[in-house]
Amino acid sequence: MTTVSAYEAKTHLPRLIRAAERGETVVITRHGKPVAQLGPVQEQRGIDMAEATARLEALRRRLPKIPLEELLSARHEGHKY
């Protein structure tokens, strides 16, 4: 992992983009503190709607059932009137 200042990143952006294309990660700092990270794009696995729905339903079945009255009474908990 490479670390560069914001000024250096602005000045040498094409070089840093080529490094990211090669799989390197570059941390950009401002006044010595890390503020951004430039790196290769991670391939995101797409999840279809049916699979997402099935996973949410499975999670819902594992969670305890909460009575409606308890939900309604908790909705204003902590509010100042």
N, C-alpha and C. Protein backbone atom coordinates (compact mmCIF):
# COMPACT_ATOMS: atom_id res chain seq x y z
N MET A 1 0.85 -1.17 0.00
CA MET A 1 0.00 0.00 0.00
C MET A 1 0.89 1.23 0.00
N THR A 2 0.55 2.16 -0.86
CA THR A 2 1.29 3.39 -1.01
C THR A 2 0.53 4.52 -0.33
N THR A 3 1.25 5.48 0.24
CA THR A 3 0.64 6.65 0.85
C THR A 3 1.18 7.89 0.16
N VAL A 4 0.26 8.79 -0.24
CA VAL A 4 0.66 10.03 -0.89
C VAL A 4 -0.15 11.18 -0.31
N SER A 5 0.40 12.38 -0.41
CA SER A 5 -0.32 13.57 0.05
C SER A 5 -1.39 13.94 -0.98
N ALA A 6 -2.35 14.74 -0.56
CA ALA A 6 -3.41 15.17 -1.47
C ALA A 6 -2.83 15.94 -2.65
N TYR A 7 -1.83 16.77 -2.41
CA TYR A 7 -1.20 17.52 -3.49
C TYR A 7 -0.55 16.58 -4.49
N GLU A 8 0.18 15.59 -3.98
CA GLU A 8 0.84 14.62 -4.85
C GLU A 8 -0.19 13.81 -5.64
N ALA A 9 -1.30 13.46 -4.98
CA ALA A 9 -2.35 12.70 -5.66
C ALA A 9 -2.93 13.52 -6.81
N LYS A 10 -3.15 14.82 -6.57
CA LYS A 10 -3.70 15.69 -7.61
C LYS A 10 -2.70 15.80 -8.77
N THR A 11 -1.44 15.93 -8.43
CA THR A 11 -0.41 16.12 -9.44
C THR A 11 -0.15 14.86 -10.25
N HIS A 12 -0.24 13.69 -9.62
CA HIS A 12 0.12 12.43 -10.27
C HIS A 12 -1.05 11.46 -10.38
N LEU A 13 -2.26 11.99 -10.55
CA LEU A 13 -3.44 11.14 -10.61
C LEU A 13 -3.36 10.04 -11.67
N PRO A 14 -2.92 10.31 -12.90
CA PRO A 14 -2.85 9.22 -13.88
C PRO A 14 -1.95 8.06 -13.43
N ARG A 15 -0.83 8.39 -12.79
CA ARG A 15 0.07 7.34 -12.29
C ARG A 15 -0.62 6.52 -11.20
N LEU A 16 -1.37 7.19 -10.32
CA LEU A 16 -2.07 6.49 -9.24
C LEU A 16 -3.20 5.61 -9.77
N ILE A 17 -3.87 6.07 -10.82
CA ILE A 17 -4.92 5.26 -11.43
C ILE A 17 -4.33 4.01 -12.06
N ARG A 18 -3.18 4.14 -12.71
CA ARG A 18 -2.51 2.95 -13.28
C ARG A 18 -2.14 1.97 -12.18
N ALA A 19 -1.70 2.49 -11.03
CA ALA A 19 -1.36 1.61 -9.90
C ALA A 19 -2.61 0.88 -9.42
N ALA A 20 -3.74 1.57 -9.35
CA ALA A 20 -4.99 0.94 -8.94
C ALA A 20 -5.41 -0.14 -9.94
N GLU A 21 -5.19 0.12 -11.22
CA GLU A 21 -5.51 -0.88 -12.25
C GLU A 21 -4.67 -2.14 -12.06
N ARG A 22 -3.46 -1.98 -11.54
CA ARG A 22 -2.58 -3.13 -11.29
C ARG A 22 -2.95 -3.84 -9.99
N GLY A 23 -3.94 -3.30 -9.25
CA GLY A 23 -4.37 -3.95 -8.01
C GLY A 23 -3.82 -3.32 -6.75
N GLU A 24 -3.06 -2.25 -6.88
CA GLU A 24 -2.49 -1.60 -5.70
C GLU A 24 -3.52 -0.68 -5.04
N THR A 25 -3.31 -0.43 -3.76
CA THR A 25 -4.15 0.50 -3.01
C THR A 25 -3.30 1.69 -2.62
N VAL A 26 -3.84 2.89 -2.81
CA VAL A 26 -3.13 4.12 -2.49
C VAL A 26 -3.95 4.88 -1.46
N VAL A 27 -3.32 5.24 -0.34
CA VAL A 27 -3.98 6.04 0.69
C VAL A 27 -3.57 7.49 0.48
N ILE A 28 -4.55 8.38 0.44
CA ILE A 28 -4.30 9.81 0.25
C ILE A 28 -4.45 10.51 1.59
N THR A 29 -3.44 11.31 1.92
CA THR A 29 -3.44 11.99 3.21
C THR A 29 -3.56 13.49 3.04
N ARG A 30 -4.07 14.13 4.08
CA ARG A 30 -4.09 15.59 4.15
C ARG A 30 -3.52 15.94 5.52
N HIS A 31 -2.45 16.72 5.51
CA HIS A 31 -1.74 17.09 6.74
C HIS A 31 -1.34 15.84 7.54
N GLY A 32 -0.95 14.80 6.82
CA GLY A 32 -0.46 13.58 7.45
C GLY A 32 -1.52 12.61 7.91
N LYS A 33 -2.80 12.95 7.77
CA LYS A 33 -3.88 12.07 8.22
C LYS A 33 -4.56 11.46 7.00
N PRO A 34 -4.80 10.15 7.02
CA PRO A 34 -5.48 9.49 5.90
C PRO A 34 -6.89 10.03 5.73
N VAL A 35 -7.25 10.41 4.49
CA VAL A 35 -8.59 10.93 4.22
C VAL A 35 -9.30 10.19 3.10
N ALA A 36 -8.57 9.47 2.28
CA ALA A 36 -9.21 8.76 1.17
C ALA A 36 -8.36 7.56 0.78
N GLN A 37 -8.98 6.66 0.03
CA GLN A 37 -8.29 5.47 -0.42
C GLN A 37 -8.65 5.25 -1.88
N LEU A 38 -7.65 5.01 -2.70
CA LEU A 38 -7.84 4.74 -4.12
C LEU A 38 -7.36 3.32 -4.38
N GLY A 39 -8.20 2.52 -4.99
CA GLY A 39 -7.80 1.14 -5.23
C GLY A 39 -8.64 0.52 -6.32
N PRO A 40 -8.38 -0.75 -6.60
CA PRO A 40 -9.12 -1.43 -7.65
C PRO A 40 -10.59 -1.61 -7.25
N VAL A 41 -11.46 -1.61 -8.24
CA VAL A 41 -12.88 -1.82 -7.99
C VAL A 41 -13.08 -3.29 -7.68
N GLN A 42 -13.80 -3.53 -6.60
CA GLN A 42 -14.11 -4.91 -6.22
C GLN A 42 -15.35 -5.35 -6.99
N GLU A 43 -15.27 -6.49 -7.60
CA GLU A 43 -16.43 -7.01 -8.31
C GLU A 43 -17.51 -7.34 -7.28
N GLN A 44 -18.69 -6.81 -7.50
CA GLN A 44 -19.79 -7.06 -6.59
C GLN A 44 -20.69 -8.13 -7.17
N ARG A 45 -20.94 -9.12 -6.36
CA ARG A 45 -21.82 -10.20 -6.79
C ARG A 45 -23.24 -9.71 -6.71
N GLY A 46 -23.90 -9.73 -7.82
CA GLY A 46 -25.30 -9.31 -7.84
C GLY A 46 -26.18 -10.35 -7.16
N ILE A 47 -27.17 -9.89 -6.42
CA ILE A 47 -28.09 -10.80 -5.77
C ILE A 47 -29.47 -10.52 -6.34
N ASP A 48 -30.14 -11.55 -6.79
CA ASP A 48 -31.44 -11.30 -7.40
C ASP A 48 -32.51 -11.09 -6.33
N MET A 49 -33.61 -10.51 -6.74
CA MET A 49 -34.67 -10.13 -5.81
C MET A 49 -35.25 -11.34 -5.09
N ALA A 50 -35.41 -12.45 -5.79
CA ALA A 50 -35.99 -13.64 -5.17
C ALA A 50 -35.08 -14.16 -4.05
N GLU A 51 -33.78 -14.16 -4.29
CA GLU A 51 -32.85 -14.62 -3.27
C GLU A 51 -32.85 -13.68 -2.07
N ALA A 52 -32.88 -12.38 -2.31
CA ALA A 52 -32.91 -11.41 -1.22
C ALA A 52 -34.17 -11.57 -0.39
N THR A 53 -35.31 -11.75 -1.05
CA THR A 53 -36.56 -11.94 -0.34
C THR A 53 -36.53 -13.21 0.49
N ALA A 54 -36.01 -14.28 -0.06
CA ALA A 54 -35.92 -15.54 0.68
C ALA A 54 -35.03 -15.40 1.90
N ARG A 55 -33.93 -14.67 1.77
CA ARG A 55 -33.03 -14.48 2.91
C ARG A 55 -33.69 -13.65 4.00
N LEU A 56 -34.44 -12.62 3.61
CA LEU A 56 -35.16 -11.80 4.60
C LEU A 56 -36.24 -12.61 5.30
N GLU A 57 -36.96 -13.43 4.58
CA GLU A 57 -37.99 -14.28 5.19
C GLU A 57 -37.37 -15.26 6.18
N ALA A 58 -36.23 -15.85 5.83
CA ALA A 58 -35.56 -16.78 6.74
C ALA A 58 -35.12 -16.06 8.01
N LEU A 59 -34.62 -14.85 7.87
CA LEU A 59 -34.22 -14.07 9.04
C LEU A 59 -35.43 -13.75 9.90
N ARG A 60 -36.52 -13.36 9.28
CA ARG A 60 -37.74 -13.02 10.02
C ARG A 60 -38.26 -14.21 10.81
N ARG A 61 -38.17 -15.41 10.25
CA ARG A 61 -38.63 -16.61 10.96
C ARG A 61 -37.78 -16.92 12.18
N ARG A 62 -36.48 -16.54 12.14
CA ARG A 62 -35.59 -16.81 13.28
C ARG A 62 -35.77 -15.81 14.41
N LEU A 63 -36.28 -14.63 14.12
CA LEU A 63 -36.44 -13.60 15.14
C LEU A 63 -37.69 -13.85 15.96
N PRO A 64 -37.67 -13.44 17.24
CA PRO A 64 -38.87 -13.65 18.07
C PRO A 64 -40.02 -12.75 17.61
N LYS A 65 -41.23 -13.24 17.82
CA LYS A 65 -42.40 -12.46 17.46
C LYS A 65 -42.66 -11.43 18.56
N ILE A 66 -42.95 -10.19 18.15
CA ILE A 66 -43.20 -9.11 19.10
C ILE A 66 -44.66 -8.70 18.94
N PRO A 67 -45.41 -8.68 20.05
CA PRO A 67 -46.82 -8.30 19.96
C PRO A 67 -46.99 -6.86 19.45
N LEU A 68 -48.06 -6.63 18.72
CA LEU A 68 -48.33 -5.32 18.15
C LEU A 68 -48.39 -4.24 19.23
N GLU A 69 -49.00 -4.55 20.38
CA GLU A 69 -49.12 -3.57 21.46
C GLU A 69 -47.74 -3.12 21.93
N GLU A 70 -46.79 -4.06 22.00
CA GLU A 70 -45.44 -3.71 22.43
C GLU A 70 -44.75 -2.80 21.41
N LEU A 71 -44.94 -3.09 20.14
CA LEU A 71 -44.37 -2.23 19.10
C LEU A 71 -44.96 -0.82 19.17
N LEU A 72 -46.28 -0.74 19.31
CA LEU A 72 -46.93 0.56 19.36
C LEU A 72 -46.53 1.36 20.59
N SER A 73 -46.35 0.69 21.72
CA SER A 73 -45.97 1.41 22.93
C SER A 73 -44.51 1.86 22.87
N ALA A 74 -43.69 1.16 22.11
CA ALA A 74 -42.26 1.50 22.04
C ALA A 74 -41.96 2.60 21.03
N ARG A 75 -42.90 2.91 20.15
CA ARG A 75 -42.59 3.87 19.08
C ARG A 75 -42.31 5.27 19.59
N HIS A 76 -42.84 5.66 20.75
CA HIS A 76 -42.59 7.00 21.28
C HIS A 76 -41.64 6.98 22.47
N GLU A 77 -41.06 5.85 22.75
CA GLU A 77 -40.15 5.73 23.89
C GLU A 77 -38.95 6.66 23.68
N GLY A 78 -38.66 7.47 24.66
CA GLY A 78 -37.54 8.37 24.57
C GLY A 78 -37.87 9.72 23.96
N HIS A 79 -39.08 9.88 23.45
CA HIS A 79 -39.48 11.18 22.88
C HIS A 79 -39.78 12.17 24.00
N LYS A 80 -39.52 13.41 23.74
CA LYS A 80 -39.90 14.46 24.66
C LYS A 80 -41.13 15.15 24.09
N TYR A 81 -42.14 15.28 24.87
CA TYR A 81 -43.36 15.92 24.40
C TYR A 81 -43.48 17.30 24.97
